[in-house]
Amino acid sequence: EAAGEQGEFEAMYKALFDNAAEWSHQETSQREAFFGYAEELGLDMDRFEQVYDDPATLERIEQSAADAEALGVTSTPTFFLDGERLEPTRVEDLTDPLDAALEG
């Protein structure tokens, strides 16, 4: 969220996924790691911290988690097409329904 405010959402989520083994499944704050990734991306760190610490940011994250839970999302990635959950086990399980939706 804080990186997205600076137009770097994609770069930050890539950094988070690339480094997930370092920070995920921890029971302590990973603030230092997240700020390190933001710094590596060259973000304005004062602005990043302001958005990171803003209660509205936490509200958006909590709402997103609640929405995911309501939809039965338990892991990422989870795919939906026209409101129907897809459970792909191979690439074609994604591409075939997408192609059909585009043609229909």
PDB file of N, CA and C in Angstrom:
ATOM      1  N   GLU A   1       0.820  -1.190   0.000  1.00  0.00           N
ATOM      2  CA  GLU A   1       0.000   0.000   0.000  1.00  0.00           C
ATOM      3  C   GLU A   1       0.865   1.255   0.000  1.00  0.00           C
ATOM      4  N   ALA A   2       1.872   1.277   0.866  1.00  0.00           N
ATOM      5  CA  ALA A   2       2.710   2.469   0.979  1.00  0.00           C
ATOM      6  C   ALA A   2       3.548   2.677  -0.277  1.00  0.00           C
ATOM      7  N   ALA A   3       4.009   1.604  -0.878  1.00  0.00           N
ATOM      8  CA  ALA A   3       4.765   1.729  -2.131  1.00  0.00           C
ATOM      9  C   ALA A   3       3.836   2.120  -3.268  1.00  0.00           C
ATOM     10  N   GLY A   4       2.626   1.603  -3.250  1.00  0.00           N
ATOM     11  CA  GLY A   4       1.649   1.940  -4.286  1.00  0.00           C
ATOM     12  C   GLY A   4       1.318   3.409  -4.312  1.00  0.00           C
ATOM     13  N   GLU A   5       1.363   4.063  -3.162  1.00  0.00           N
ATOM     14  CA  GLU A   5       1.116   5.505  -3.095  1.00  0.00           C
ATOM     15  C   GLU A   5       2.167   6.283  -3.879  1.00  0.00           C
ATOM     16  N   GLN A   6       3.297   5.640  -4.141  1.00  0.00           N
ATOM     17  CA  GLN A   6       4.365   6.276  -4.909  1.00  0.00           C
ATOM     18  C   GLN A   6       4.490   5.662  -6.307  1.00  0.00           C
ATOM     19  N   GLY A   7       3.460   4.920  -6.705  1.00  0.00           N
ATOM     20  CA  GLY A   7       3.465   4.335  -8.041  1.00  0.00           C
ATOM     21  C   GLY A   7       4.354   3.118  -8.183  1.00  0.00           C
ATOM     22  N   GLU A   8       4.721   2.499  -7.070  1.00  0.00           N
ATOM     23  CA  GLU A   8       5.643   1.360  -7.111  1.00  0.00           C
ATOM     24  C   GLU A   8       5.042   0.087  -6.523  1.00  0.00           C
ATOM     25  N   PHE A   9       3.721  -0.054  -6.641  1.00  0.00           N
ATOM     26  CA  PHE A   9       3.051  -1.244  -6.117  1.00  0.00           C
ATOM     27  C   PHE A   9       3.655  -2.510  -6.721  1.00  0.00           C
ATOM     28  N   GLU A  10       3.777  -2.549  -8.037  1.00  0.00           N
ATOM     29  CA  GLU A  10       4.275  -3.754  -8.704  1.00  0.00           C
ATOM     30  C   GLU A  10       5.707  -4.071  -8.293  1.00  0.00           C
ATOM     31  N   ALA A  11       6.558  -3.070  -8.226  1.00  0.00           N
ATOM     32  CA  ALA A  11       7.950  -3.305  -7.831  1.00  0.00           C
ATOM     33  C   ALA A  11       8.026  -3.830  -6.401  1.00  0.00           C
ATOM     34  N   MET A  12       7.177  -3.292  -5.522  1.00  0.00           N
ATOM     35  CA  MET A  12       7.201  -3.743  -4.128  1.00  0.00           C
ATOM     36  C   MET A  12       6.658  -5.158  -3.998  1.00  0.00           C
ATOM     37  N   TYR A  13       5.545  -5.466  -4.678  1.00  0.00           N
ATOM     38  CA  TYR A  13       5.045  -6.839  -4.524  1.00  0.00           C
ATOM     39  C   TYR A  13       6.027  -7.834  -5.104  1.00  0.00           C
ATOM     40  N   LYS A  14       6.767  -7.449  -6.145  1.00  0.00           N
ATOM     41  CA  LYS A  14       7.803  -8.337  -6.675  1.00  0.00           C
ATOM     42  C   LYS A  14       8.896  -8.553  -5.632  1.00  0.00           C
ATOM     43  N   ALA A  15       9.313  -7.486  -4.980  1.00  0.00           N
ATOM     44  CA  ALA A  15      10.327  -7.610  -3.923  1.00  0.00           C
ATOM     45  C   ALA A  15       9.813  -8.480  -2.781  1.00  0.00           C
ATOM     46  N   LEU A  16       8.541  -8.307  -2.420  1.00  0.00           N
ATOM     47  CA  LEU A  16       7.967  -9.109  -1.332  1.00  0.00           C
ATOM     48  C   LEU A  16       7.914 -10.586  -1.707  1.00  0.00           C
ATOM     49  N   PHE A  17       7.451 -10.897  -2.910  1.00  0.00           N
ATOM     50  CA  PHE A  17       7.377 -12.298  -3.327  1.00  0.00           C
ATOM     51  C   PHE A  17       8.766 -12.903  -3.510  1.00  0.00           C
ATOM     52  N   ASP A  18       9.694 -12.125  -4.075  1.00  0.00           N
ATOM     53  CA  ASP A  18      11.055 -12.629  -4.280  1.00  0.00           C
ATOM     54  C   ASP A  18      11.759 -12.935  -2.959  1.00  0.00           C
ATOM     55  N   ASN A  19      11.371 -12.239  -1.909  1.00  0.00           N
ATOM     56  CA  ASN A  19      12.036 -12.382  -0.609  1.00  0.00           C
ATOM     57  C   ASN A  19      11.139 -13.000   0.461  1.00  0.00           C
ATOM     58  N   ALA A  20      10.063 -13.634   0.051  1.00  0.00           N
ATOM     59  CA  ALA A  20       9.076 -14.159   1.005  1.00  0.00           C
ATOM     60  C   ALA A  20       9.684 -15.107   2.033  1.00  0.00           C
ATOM     61  N   ALA A  21      10.672 -15.868   1.643  1.00  0.00           N
ATOM     62  CA  ALA A  21      11.278 -16.815   2.581  1.00  0.00           C
ATOM     63  C   ALA A  21      11.935 -16.089   3.757  1.00  0.00           C
ATOM     64  N   GLU A  22      12.339 -14.847   3.543  1.00  0.00           N
ATOM     65  CA  GLU A  22      12.991 -14.080   4.604  1.00  0.00           C
ATOM     66  C   GLU A  22      12.005 -13.501   5.613  1.00  0.00           C
ATOM     67  N   TRP A  23      10.821 -13.110   5.173  1.00  0.00           N
ATOM     68  CA  TRP A  23       9.924 -12.362   6.053  1.00  0.00           C
ATOM     69  C   TRP A  23       8.604 -13.054   6.366  1.00  0.00           C
ATOM     70  N   SER A  24       8.180 -13.999   5.544  1.00  0.00           N
ATOM     71  CA  SER A  24       6.861 -14.590   5.767  1.00  0.00           C
ATOM     72  C   SER A  24       6.892 -15.598   6.917  1.00  0.00           C
ATOM     73  N   HIS A  25       5.721 -15.855   7.461  1.00  0.00           N
ATOM     74  CA  HIS A  25       5.535 -16.818   8.545  1.00  0.00           C
ATOM     75  C   HIS A  25       6.333 -16.462   9.798  1.00  0.00           C
ATOM     76  N   GLN A  26       6.550 -15.169   9.992  1.00  0.00           N
ATOM     77  CA  GLN A  26       7.230 -14.693  11.193  1.00  0.00           C
ATOM     78  C   GLN A  26       6.192 -14.222  12.194  1.00  0.00           C
ATOM     79  N   GLU A  27       6.516 -14.300  13.447  1.00  0.00           N
ATOM     80  CA  GLU A  27       5.596 -13.853  14.490  1.00  0.00           C
ATOM     81  C   GLU A  27       5.987 -12.500  15.055  1.00  0.00           C
ATOM     82  N   THR A  28       6.956 -11.866  14.437  1.00  0.00           N
ATOM     83  CA  THR A  28       7.377 -10.537  14.857  1.00  0.00           C
ATOM     84  C   THR A  28       7.195  -9.572  13.687  1.00  0.00           C
ATOM     85  N   SER A  29       7.211  -8.300  13.989  1.00  0.00           N
ATOM     86  CA  SER A  29       7.056  -7.284  12.957  1.00  0.00           C
ATOM     87  C   SER A  29       8.153  -7.421  11.904  1.00  0.00           C
ATOM     88  N   GLN A  30       7.773  -7.270  10.674  1.00  0.00           N
ATOM     89  CA  GLN A  30       8.727  -7.315   9.570  1.00  0.00           C
ATOM     90  C   GLN A  30       8.938  -5.922   8.966  1.00  0.00           C
ATOM     91  N   ARG A  31       8.596  -4.923   9.761  1.00  0.00           N
ATOM     92  CA  ARG A  31       8.716  -3.529   9.338  1.00  0.00           C
ATOM     93  C   ARG A  31      10.110  -3.231   8.769  1.00  0.00           C
ATOM     94  N   GLU A  32      11.145  -3.653   9.464  1.00  0.00           N
ATOM     95  CA  GLU A  32      12.511  -3.372   9.022  1.00  0.00           C
ATOM     96  C   GLU A  32      12.770  -3.947   7.631  1.00  0.00           C
ATOM     97  N   ALA A  33      12.313  -5.161   7.385  1.00  0.00           N
ATOM     98  CA  ALA A  33      12.491  -5.780   6.071  1.00  0.00           C
ATOM     99  C   ALA A  33      11.734  -4.999   5.005  1.00  0.00           C
ATOM    100  N   PHE A  34      10.481  -4.648   5.300  1.00  0.00           N
ATOM    101  CA  PHE A  34       9.669  -3.921   4.316  1.00  0.00           C
ATOM    102  C   PHE A  34      10.270  -2.558   4.008  1.00  0.00           C
ATOM    103  N   PHE A  35      10.769  -1.878   5.029  1.00  0.00           N
ATOM    104  CA  PHE A  35      11.393  -0.578   4.818  1.00  0.00           C
ATOM    105  C   PHE A  35      12.687  -0.733   4.020  1.00  0.00           C
ATOM    106  N   GLY A  36      13.384  -1.838   4.233  1.00  0.00           N
ATOM    107  CA  GLY A  36      14.596  -2.111   3.452  1.00  0.00           C
ATOM    108  C   GLY A  36      14.280  -2.281   1.976  1.00  0.00           C
ATOM    109  N   TYR A  37      13.208  -3.003   1.666  1.00  0.00           N
ATOM    110  CA  TYR A  37      12.813  -3.169   0.261  1.00  0.00           C
ATOM    111  C   TYR A  37      12.422  -1.820  -0.334  1.00  0.00           C
ATOM    112  N   ALA A  38      11.703  -1.019   0.432  1.00  0.00           N
ATOM    113  CA  ALA A  38      11.288   0.305  -0.050  1.00  0.00           C
ATOM    114  C   ALA A  38      12.500   1.173  -0.337  1.00  0.00           C
ATOM    115  N   GLU A  39      13.478   1.098   0.542  1.00  0.00           N
ATOM    116  CA  GLU A  39      14.694   1.886   0.338  1.00  0.00           C
ATOM    117  C   GLU A  39      15.438   1.413  -0.912  1.00  0.00           C
ATOM    118  N   GLU A  40      15.526   0.094  -1.098  1.00  0.00           N
ATOM    119  CA  GLU A  40      16.178  -0.458  -2.291  1.00  0.00           C
ATOM    120  C   GLU A  40      15.485   0.014  -3.570  1.00  0.00           C
ATOM    121  N   LEU A  41      14.165   0.227  -3.494  1.00  0.00           N
ATOM    122  CA  LEU A  41      13.408   0.702  -4.654  1.00  0.00           C
ATOM    123  C   LEU A  41      13.572   2.199  -4.872  1.00  0.00           C
ATOM    124  N   GLY A  42      14.227   2.869  -3.948  1.00  0.00           N
ATOM    125  CA  GLY A  42      14.448   4.297  -4.077  1.00  0.00           C
ATOM    126  C   GLY A  42      13.230   5.143  -3.732  1.00  0.00           C
ATOM    127  N   LEU A  43      12.360   4.614  -2.884  1.00  0.00           N
ATOM    128  CA  LEU A  43      11.158   5.353  -2.519  1.00  0.00           C
ATOM    129  C   LEU A  43      11.494   6.496  -1.568  1.00  0.00           C
ATOM    130  N   ASP A  44      10.620   7.480  -1.545  1.00  0.00           N
ATOM    131  CA  ASP A  44      10.703   8.572  -0.576  1.00  0.00           C
ATOM    132  C   ASP A  44      10.346   7.955   0.772  1.00  0.00           C
ATOM    133  N   MET A  45      11.337   7.779   1.635  1.00  0.00           N
ATOM    134  CA  MET A  45      11.124   7.012   2.857  1.00  0.00           C
ATOM    135  C   MET A  45      10.241   7.744   3.866  1.00  0.00           C
ATOM    136  N   ASP A  46      10.292   9.053   3.903  1.00  0.00           N
ATOM    137  CA  ASP A  46       9.398   9.789   4.807  1.00  0.00           C
ATOM    138  C   ASP A  46       7.951   9.569   4.391  1.00  0.00           C
ATOM    139  N   ARG A  47       7.695   9.669   3.104  1.00  0.00           N
ATOM    140  CA  ARG A  47       6.335   9.456   2.582  1.00  0.00           C
ATOM    141  C   ARG A  47       5.902   8.004   2.789  1.00  0.00           C
ATOM    142  N   PHE A  48       6.820   7.063   2.533  1.00  0.00           N
ATOM    143  CA  PHE A  48       6.529   5.650   2.729  1.00  0.00           C
ATOM    144  C   PHE A  48       6.114   5.393   4.175  1.00  0.00           C
ATOM    145  N   GLU A  49       6.885   5.925   5.121  1.00  0.00           N
ATOM    146  CA  GLU A  49       6.585   5.716   6.542  1.00  0.00           C
ATOM    147  C   GLU A  49       5.244   6.339   6.917  1.00  0.00           C
ATOM    148  N   GLN A  50       4.960   7.508   6.389  1.00  0.00           N
ATOM    149  CA  GLN A  50       3.697   8.183   6.697  1.00  0.00           C
ATOM    150  C   GLN A  50       2.509   7.310   6.270  1.00  0.00           C
ATOM    151  N   VAL A  51       2.559   6.776   5.054  1.00  0.00           N
ATOM    152  CA  VAL A  51       1.464   5.935   4.556  1.00  0.00           C
ATOM    153  C   VAL A  51       1.450   4.596   5.290  1.00  0.00           C
ATOM    154  N   TYR A  52       2.611   4.031   5.532  1.00  0.00           N
ATOM    155  CA  TYR A  52       2.720   2.746   6.229  1.00  0.00           C
ATOM    156  C   TYR A  52       2.069   2.820   7.608  1.00  0.00           C
ATOM    157  N   ASP A  53       2.294   3.925   8.302  1.00  0.00           N
ATOM    158  CA  ASP A  53       1.781   4.087   9.663  1.00  0.00           C
ATOM    159  C   ASP A  53       0.366   4.661   9.733  1.00  0.00           C
ATOM    160  N   ASP A  54      -0.193   5.061   8.609  1.00  0.00           N
ATOM    161  CA  ASP A  54      -1.525   5.668   8.584  1.00  0.00           C
ATOM    162  C   ASP A  54      -2.585   4.604   8.921  1.00  0.00           C
ATOM    163  N   PRO A  55      -3.451   4.868   9.897  1.00  0.00           N
ATOM    164  CA  PRO A  55      -4.510   3.908  10.230  1.00  0.00           C
ATOM    165  C   PRO A  55      -5.401   3.553   9.029  1.00  0.00           C
ATOM    166  N   ALA A  56      -5.551   4.450   8.082  1.00  0.00           N
ATOM    167  CA  ALA A  56      -6.356   4.167   6.886  1.00  0.00           C
ATOM    168  C   ALA A  56      -5.728   3.054   6.057  1.00  0.00           C
ATOM    169  N   THR A  57      -4.406   2.962   6.073  1.00  0.00           N
ATOM    170  CA  THR A  57      -3.721   1.889   5.347  1.00  0.00           C
ATOM    171  C   THR A  57      -4.070   0.548   5.974  1.00  0.00           C
ATOM    172  N   LEU A  58      -4.009   0.468   7.292  1.00  0.00           N
ATOM    173  CA  LEU A  58      -4.371  -0.770   7.983  1.00  0.00           C
ATOM    174  C   LEU A  58      -5.827  -1.127   7.717  1.00  0.00           C
ATOM    175  N   GLU A  59      -6.710  -0.141   7.683  1.00  0.00           N
ATOM    176  CA  GLU A  59      -8.125  -0.396   7.393  1.00  0.00           C
ATOM    177  C   GLU A  59      -8.298  -1.018   6.008  1.00  0.00           C
ATOM    178  N   ARG A  60      -7.561  -0.498   4.994  1.00  0.00           N
ATOM    179  CA  ARG A  60      -7.646  -1.068   3.638  1.00  0.00           C
ATOM    180  C   ARG A  60      -7.155  -2.509   3.624  1.00  0.00           C
ATOM    181  N   ILE A  61      -6.084  -2.776   4.342  1.00  0.00           N
ATOM    182  CA  ILE A  61      -5.529  -4.129   4.385  1.00  0.00           C
ATOM    183  C   ILE A  61      -6.506  -5.077   5.081  1.00  0.00           C
ATOM    184  N   GLU A  62      -7.065  -4.638   6.193  1.00  0.00           N
ATOM    185  CA  GLU A  62      -8.020  -5.478   6.909  1.00  0.00           C
ATOM    186  C   GLU A  62      -9.275  -5.731   6.080  1.00  0.00           C
ATOM    187  N   GLN A  63      -9.731  -4.729   5.326  1.00  0.00           N
ATOM    188  CA  GLN A  63     -10.909  -4.905   4.469  1.00  0.00           C
ATOM    189  C   GLN A  63     -10.602  -5.900   3.355  1.00  0.00           C
ATOM    190  N   SER A  64      -9.413  -5.810   2.796  1.00  0.00           N
ATOM    191  CA  SER A  64      -9.002  -6.747   1.749  1.00  0.00           C
ATOM    192  C   SER A  64      -8.959  -8.173   2.292  1.00  0.00           C
ATOM    193  N   ALA A  65      -8.435  -8.340   3.495  1.00  0.00           N
ATOM    194  CA  ALA A  65      -8.384  -9.673   4.111  1.00  0.00           C
ATOM    195  C   ALA A  65      -9.791 -10.196   4.384  1.00  0.00           C
ATOM    196  N   ALA A  66     -10.680  -9.317   4.843  1.00  0.00           N
ATOM    197  CA  ALA A  66     -12.064  -9.731   5.098  1.00  0.00           C
ATOM    198  C   ALA A  66     -12.766 -10.118   3.803  1.00  0.00           C
ATOM    199  N   ASP A  67     -12.526  -9.361   2.735  1.00  0.00           N
ATOM    200  CA  ASP A  67     -13.116  -9.680   1.437  1.00  0.00           C
ATOM    201  C   ASP A  67     -12.619 -11.044   0.950  1.00  0.00           C
ATOM    202  N   ALA A  68     -11.327 -11.282   1.101  1.00  0.00           N
ATOM    203  CA  ALA A  68     -10.754 -12.563   0.679  1.00  0.00           C
ATOM    204  C   ALA A  68     -11.357 -13.713   1.480  1.00  0.00           C
ATOM    205  N   GLU A  69     -11.477 -13.520   2.774  1.00  0.00           N
ATOM    206  CA  GLU A  69     -12.057 -14.562   3.624  1.00  0.00           C
ATOM    207  C   GLU A  69     -13.504 -14.849   3.224  1.00  0.00           C
ATOM    208  N   ALA A  70     -14.261 -13.799   2.921  1.00  0.00           N
ATOM    209  CA  ALA A  70     -15.662 -13.973   2.524  1.00  0.00           C
ATOM    210  C   ALA A  70     -15.780 -14.761   1.219  1.00  0.00           C
ATOM    211  N   LEU A  71     -14.781 -14.647   0.366  1.00  0.00           N
ATOM    212  CA  LEU A  71     -14.781 -15.367  -0.904  1.00  0.00           C
ATOM    213  C   LEU A  71     -14.173 -16.762  -0.789  1.00  0.00           C
ATOM    214  N   GLY A  72     -13.643 -17.078   0.387  1.00  0.00           N
ATOM    215  CA  GLY A  72     -13.034 -18.390   0.578  1.00  0.00           C
ATOM    216  C   GLY A  72     -11.602 -18.469   0.112  1.00  0.00           C
ATOM    217  N   VAL A  73     -10.964 -17.339  -0.067  1.00  0.00           N
ATOM    218  CA  VAL A  73      -9.565 -17.320  -0.498  1.00  0.00           C
ATOM    219  C   VAL A  73      -8.693 -17.674   0.697  1.00  0.00           C
ATOM    220  N   THR A  74      -7.880 -18.706   0.523  1.00  0.00           N
ATOM    221  CA  THR A  74      -7.005 -19.142   1.600  1.00  0.00           C
ATOM    222  C   THR A  74      -5.531 -19.089   1.215  1.00  0.00           C
ATOM    223  N   SER A  75      -5.255 -18.781  -0.040  1.00  0.00           N
ATOM    224  CA  SER A  75      -3.866 -18.711  -0.483  1.00  0.00           C
ATOM    225  C   SER A  75      -3.775 -17.847  -1.731  1.00  0.00           C
ATOM    226  N   THR A  76      -2.550 -17.479  -2.064  1.00  0.00           N
ATOM    227  CA  THR A  76      -2.318 -16.751  -3.301  1.00  0.00           C
ATOM    228  C   THR A  76      -1.414 -17.598  -4.182  1.00  0.00           C
ATOM    229  N   PRO A  77      -1.603 -17.539  -5.465  1.00  0.00           N
ATOM    230  CA  PRO A  77      -2.701 -16.804  -6.105  1.00  0.00           C
ATOM    231  C   PRO A  77      -4.003 -17.600  -6.065  1.00  0.00           C
ATOM    232  N   THR A  78      -5.091 -16.895  -6.087  1.00  0.00           N
ATOM    233  CA  THR A  78      -6.421 -17.472  -6.257  1.00  0.00           C
ATOM    234  C   THR A  78      -7.062 -16.747  -7.421  1.00  0.00           C
ATOM    235  N   PHE A  79      -7.653 -17.482  -8.324  1.00  0.00           N
ATOM    236  CA  PHE A  79      -8.192 -16.904  -9.551  1.00  0.00           C
ATOM    237  C   PHE A  79      -9.708 -17.011  -9.594  1.00  0.00           C
ATOM    238  N   PHE A  80     -10.349 -15.925 -10.043  1.00  0.00           N
ATOM    239  CA  PHE A  80     -11.789 -15.895 -10.267  1.00  0.00           C
ATOM    240  C   PHE A  80     -12.031 -15.386 -11.675  1.00  0.00           C
ATOM    241  N   LEU A  81     -13.031 -15.919 -12.321  1.00  0.00           N
ATOM    242  CA  LEU A  81     -13.446 -15.448 -13.639  1.00  0.00           C
ATOM    243  C   LEU A  81     -14.957 -15.350 -13.635  1.00  0.00           C
ATOM    244  N   ASP A  82     -15.455 -14.156 -13.866  1.00  0.00           N
ATOM    245  CA  ASP A  82     -16.905 -13.911 -13.839  1.00  0.00           C
ATOM    246  C   ASP A  82     -17.541 -14.419 -12.551  1.00  0.00           C
ATOM    247  N   GLY A  83     -16.861 -14.210 -11.423  1.00  0.00           N
ATOM    248  CA  GLY A  83     -17.391 -14.589 -10.133  1.00  0.00           C
ATOM    249  C   GLY A  83     -17.216 -16.050  -9.759  1.00  0.00           C
ATOM    250  N   GLU A  84     -16.657 -16.835 -10.656  1.00  0.00           N
ATOM    251  CA  GLU A  84     -16.452 -18.261 -10.385  1.00  0.00           C
ATOM    252  C   GLU A  84     -14.982 -18.518 -10.088  1.00  0.00           C
ATOM    253  N   ARG A  85     -14.744 -19.229  -9.017  1.00  0.00           N
ATOM    254  CA  ARG A  85     -13.375 -19.541  -8.625  1.00  0.00           C
ATOM    255  C   ARG A  85     -12.799 -20.619  -9.546  1.00  0.00           C
ATOM    256  N   LEU A  86     -11.608 -20.368 -10.047  1.00  0.00           N
ATOM    257  CA  LEU A  86     -10.893 -21.339 -10.870  1.00  0.00           C
ATOM    258  C   LEU A  86      -9.861 -22.040  -9.998  1.00  0.00           C
ATOM    259  N   GLU A  87      -9.709 -23.322 -10.192  1.00  0.00           N
ATOM    260  CA  GLU A  87      -8.717 -24.075  -9.430  1.00  0.00           C
ATOM    261  C   GLU A  87      -7.805 -24.806 -10.410  1.00  0.00           C
ATOM    262  N   PRO A  88      -6.913 -24.057 -11.020  1.00  0.00           N
ATOM    263  CA  PRO A  88      -6.060 -24.630 -12.064  1.00  0.00           C
ATOM    264  C   PRO A  88      -5.006 -25.584 -11.516  1.00  0.00           C
ATOM    265  N   THR A  89      -4.791 -26.644 -12.283  1.00  0.00           N
ATOM    266  CA  THR A  89      -3.701 -27.566 -11.984  1.00  0.00           C
ATOM    267  C   THR A  89      -2.699 -27.584 -13.138  1.00  0.00           C
ATOM    268  N   ARG A  90      -3.084 -26.905 -14.226  1.00  0.00           N
ATOM    269  CA  ARG A  90      -2.191 -26.779 -15.384  1.00  0.00           C
ATOM    270  C   ARG A  90      -2.521 -25.447 -16.071  1.00  0.00           C
ATOM    271  N   VAL A  91      -1.682 -24.984 -16.916  1.00  0.00           N
ATOM    272  CA  VAL A  91      -1.850 -23.678 -17.569  1.00  0.00           C
ATOM    273  C   VAL A  91      -3.170 -23.592 -18.318  1.00  0.00           C
ATOM    274  N   GLU A  92      -3.542 -24.656 -18.988  1.00  0.00           N
ATOM    275  CA  GLU A  92      -4.770 -24.649 -19.776  1.00  0.00           C
ATOM    276  C   GLU A  92      -6.017 -24.442 -18.922  1.00  0.00           C
ATOM    277  N   ASP A  93      -5.931 -24.791 -17.649  1.00  0.00           N
ATOM    278  CA  ASP A  93      -7.058 -24.573 -16.743  1.00  0.00           C
ATOM    279  C   ASP A  93      -7.315 -23.081 -16.526  1.00  0.00           C
ATOM    280  N   LEU A  94      -6.343 -22.266 -16.850  1.00  0.00           N
ATOM    281  CA  LEU A  94      -6.517 -20.810 -16.809  1.00  0.00           C
ATOM    282  C   LEU A  94      -6.799 -20.244 -18.193  1.00  0.00           C
ATOM    283  N   THR A  95      -6.000 -20.656 -19.154  1.00  0.00           N
ATOM    284  CA  THR A  95      -6.112 -20.056 -20.480  1.00  0.00           C
ATOM    285  C   THR A  95      -7.406 -20.435 -21.193  1.00  0.00           C
ATOM    286  N   ASP A  96      -7.853 -21.669 -21.062  1.00  0.00           N
ATOM    287  CA  ASP A  96      -9.082 -22.085 -21.760  1.00  0.00           C
ATOM    288  C   ASP A  96     -10.298 -21.284 -21.292  1.00  0.00           C
ATOM    289  N   PRO A  97     -10.546 -21.151 -19.984  1.00  0.00           N
ATOM    290  CA  PRO A  97     -11.691 -20.340 -19.559  1.00  0.00           C
ATOM    291  C   PRO A  97     -11.550 -18.861 -19.935  1.00  0.00           C
ATOM    292  N   LEU A  98     -10.344 -18.339 -19.893  1.00  0.00           N
ATOM    293  CA  LEU A  98     -10.132 -16.944 -20.302  1.00  0.00           C
ATOM    294  C   LEU A  98     -10.445 -16.761 -21.774  1.00  0.00           C
ATOM    295  N   ASP A  99      -9.937 -17.665 -22.596  1.00  0.00           N
ATOM    296  CA  ASP A  99     -10.204 -17.595 -24.028  1.00  0.00           C
ATOM    297  C   ASP A  99     -11.711 -17.697 -24.307  1.00  0.00           C
ATOM    298  N   ALA A 100     -12.377 -18.614 -23.637  1.00  0.00           N
ATOM    299  CA  ALA A 100     -13.820 -18.793 -23.827  1.00  0.00           C
ATOM    300  C   ALA A 100     -14.582 -17.529 -23.412  1.00  0.00           C
ATOM    301  N   ALA A 101     -14.164 -16.910 -22.317  1.00  0.00           N
ATOM    302  CA  ALA A 101     -14.839 -15.672 -21.862  1.00  0.00           C
ATOM    303  C   ALA A 101     -14.618 -14.536 -22.847  1.00  0.00           C
ATOM    304  N   LEU A 102     -13.440 -14.470 -23.416  1.00  0.00           N
ATOM    305  CA  LEU A 102     -13.145 -13.416 -24.390  1.00  0.00           C
ATOM    306  C   LEU A 102     -13.916 -13.618 -25.692  1.00  0.00           C
ATOM    307  N   GLU A 103     -14.130 -14.881 -26.062  1.00  0.00           N
ATOM    308  CA  GLU A 103     -14.846 -15.189 -27.291  1.00  0.00           C
ATOM    309  C   GLU A 103     -16.353 -15.023 -27.111  1.00  0.00           C
ATOM    310  N   GLY A 104     -16.826 -15.235 -25.881  1.00  0.00           N
ATOM    311  CA  GLY A 104     -18.266 -15.228 -25.608  1.00  0.00           C
ATOM    312  C   GLY A 104     -18.779 -13.845 -25.493  1.00  0.00           C
TER     313      GLY A 104
END
